[in-house]
């Protein structure tokens, strides 16, 4: 029924899953960064809207 391979498979799933997700997120987020102009506009809009958001 249970053999030692099952433990190794679950260990790979538990350790490897989050590791692969982390690598994917790091690569994807590095690829799509805001340019300086986009960052400046984003900062200006955030500054204008500071404290104006309404919570329902």
C-alpha atoms as a PDB file:
ATOM      1  CA  UNK A   1       0.000   0.000   0.000  1.00  0.00           C
ATOM      2  CA  UNK A   2       2.296   2.773   1.266  1.00  0.00           C
ATOM      3  CA  UNK A   3       5.897   2.737   0.222  1.00  0.00           C
ATOM      4  CA  UNK A   4       8.753   5.170   0.611  1.00  0.00           C
ATOM      5  CA  UNK A   5       8.192   6.734  -2.854  1.00  0.00           C
ATOM      6  CA  UNK A   6       4.875   8.202  -1.729  1.00  0.00           C
ATOM      7  CA  UNK A   7       6.644  10.249   0.926  1.00  0.00           C
ATOM      8  CA  UNK A   8       9.177  11.579  -1.565  1.00  0.00           C
ATOM      9  CA  UNK A   9       6.451  12.464  -4.057  1.00  0.00           C
ATOM     10  CA  UNK A  10       4.518  14.445  -1.429  1.00  0.00           C
ATOM     11  CA  UNK A  11       7.719  16.128  -0.283  1.00  0.00           C
ATOM     12  CA  UNK A  12       8.413  17.241  -3.861  1.00  0.00           C
ATOM     13  CA  UNK A  13       4.850  18.515  -4.247  1.00  0.00           C
ATOM     14  CA  UNK A  14       4.905  20.426  -0.954  1.00  0.00           C
ATOM     15  CA  UNK A  15       8.356  21.948  -1.480  1.00  0.00           C
ATOM     16  CA  UNK A  16       8.405  22.225  -5.276  1.00  0.00           C
ATOM     17  CA  UNK A  17       4.957  23.744  -5.773  1.00  0.00           C
ATOM     18  CA  UNK A  18       5.507  26.999  -3.882  1.00  0.00           C
ATOM     19  CA  UNK A  19       9.063  27.160  -5.221  1.00  0.00           C
ATOM     20  CA  UNK A  20       7.844  27.006  -8.830  1.00  0.00           C
ATOM     21  CA  UNK A  21       5.124  29.579  -8.118  1.00  0.00           C
ATOM     22  CA  UNK A  22       7.710  31.908  -6.554  1.00  0.00           C
ATOM     23  CA  UNK A  23      10.058  31.577  -9.516  1.00  0.00           C
ATOM     24  CA  UNK A  24       7.210  32.221 -11.959  1.00  0.00           C
ATOM     25  CA  UNK A  25       6.058  35.318 -10.052  1.00  0.00           C
ATOM     26  CA  UNK A  26       9.608  36.686  -9.836  1.00  0.00           C
ATOM     27  CA  UNK A  27      10.168  36.264 -13.576  1.00  0.00           C
ATOM     28  CA  UNK A  28       6.766  37.683 -14.513  1.00  0.00           C
ATOM     29  CA  UNK A  29       6.979  40.703 -12.195  1.00  0.00           C
ATOM     30  CA  UNK A  30      10.480  41.540 -13.399  1.00  0.00           C
ATOM     31  CA  UNK A  31       9.302  41.486 -17.007  1.00  0.00           C
ATOM     32  CA  UNK A  32       6.482  44.007 -16.448  1.00  0.00           C
ATOM     33  CA  UNK A  33       7.778  46.955 -14.453  1.00  0.00           C
ATOM     34  CA  UNK A  34       6.474  50.477 -14.818  1.00  0.00           C
ATOM     35  CA  UNK A  35       8.569  52.907 -16.789  1.00  0.00           C
ATOM     36  CA  UNK A  36       9.651  56.119 -15.079  1.00  0.00           C
ATOM     37  CA  UNK A  37       6.858  58.064 -16.776  1.00  0.00           C
ATOM     38  CA  UNK A  38       4.218  55.501 -15.797  1.00  0.00           C
ATOM     39  CA  UNK A  39       5.533  55.434 -12.219  1.00  0.00           C
ATOM     40  CA  UNK A  40       5.425  59.240 -12.012  1.00  0.00           C
ATOM     41  CA  UNK A  41       1.825  59.380 -13.273  1.00  0.00           C
ATOM     42  CA  UNK A  42       0.828  56.590 -10.883  1.00  0.00           C
ATOM     43  CA  UNK A  43       2.382  58.432  -7.938  1.00  0.00           C
ATOM     44  CA  UNK A  44       0.615  61.686  -8.889  1.00  0.00           C
ATOM     45  CA  UNK A  45      -2.789  59.991  -9.156  1.00  0.00           C
ATOM     46  CA  UNK A  46      -2.261  58.182  -5.866  1.00  0.00           C
ATOM     47  CA  UNK A  47      -1.310  61.473  -4.207  1.00  0.00           C
ATOM     48  CA  UNK A  48      -4.424  63.233  -5.551  1.00  0.00           C
ATOM     49  CA  UNK A  49      -6.725  60.416  -4.410  1.00  0.00           C
ATOM     50  CA  UNK A  50      -5.125  59.999  -0.972  1.00  0.00           C
ATOM     51  CA  UNK A  51      -7.863  59.675   1.653  1.00  0.00           C
ATOM     52  CA  UNK A  52     -10.707  60.007  -0.839  1.00  0.00           C
ATOM     53  CA  UNK A  53     -11.535  56.340  -1.258  1.00  0.00           C
ATOM     54  CA  UNK A  54     -14.787  55.230   0.298  1.00  0.00           C
ATOM     55  CA  UNK A  55     -15.269  51.939   2.056  1.00  0.00           C
ATOM     56  CA  UNK A  56     -18.694  50.394   1.614  1.00  0.00           C
END
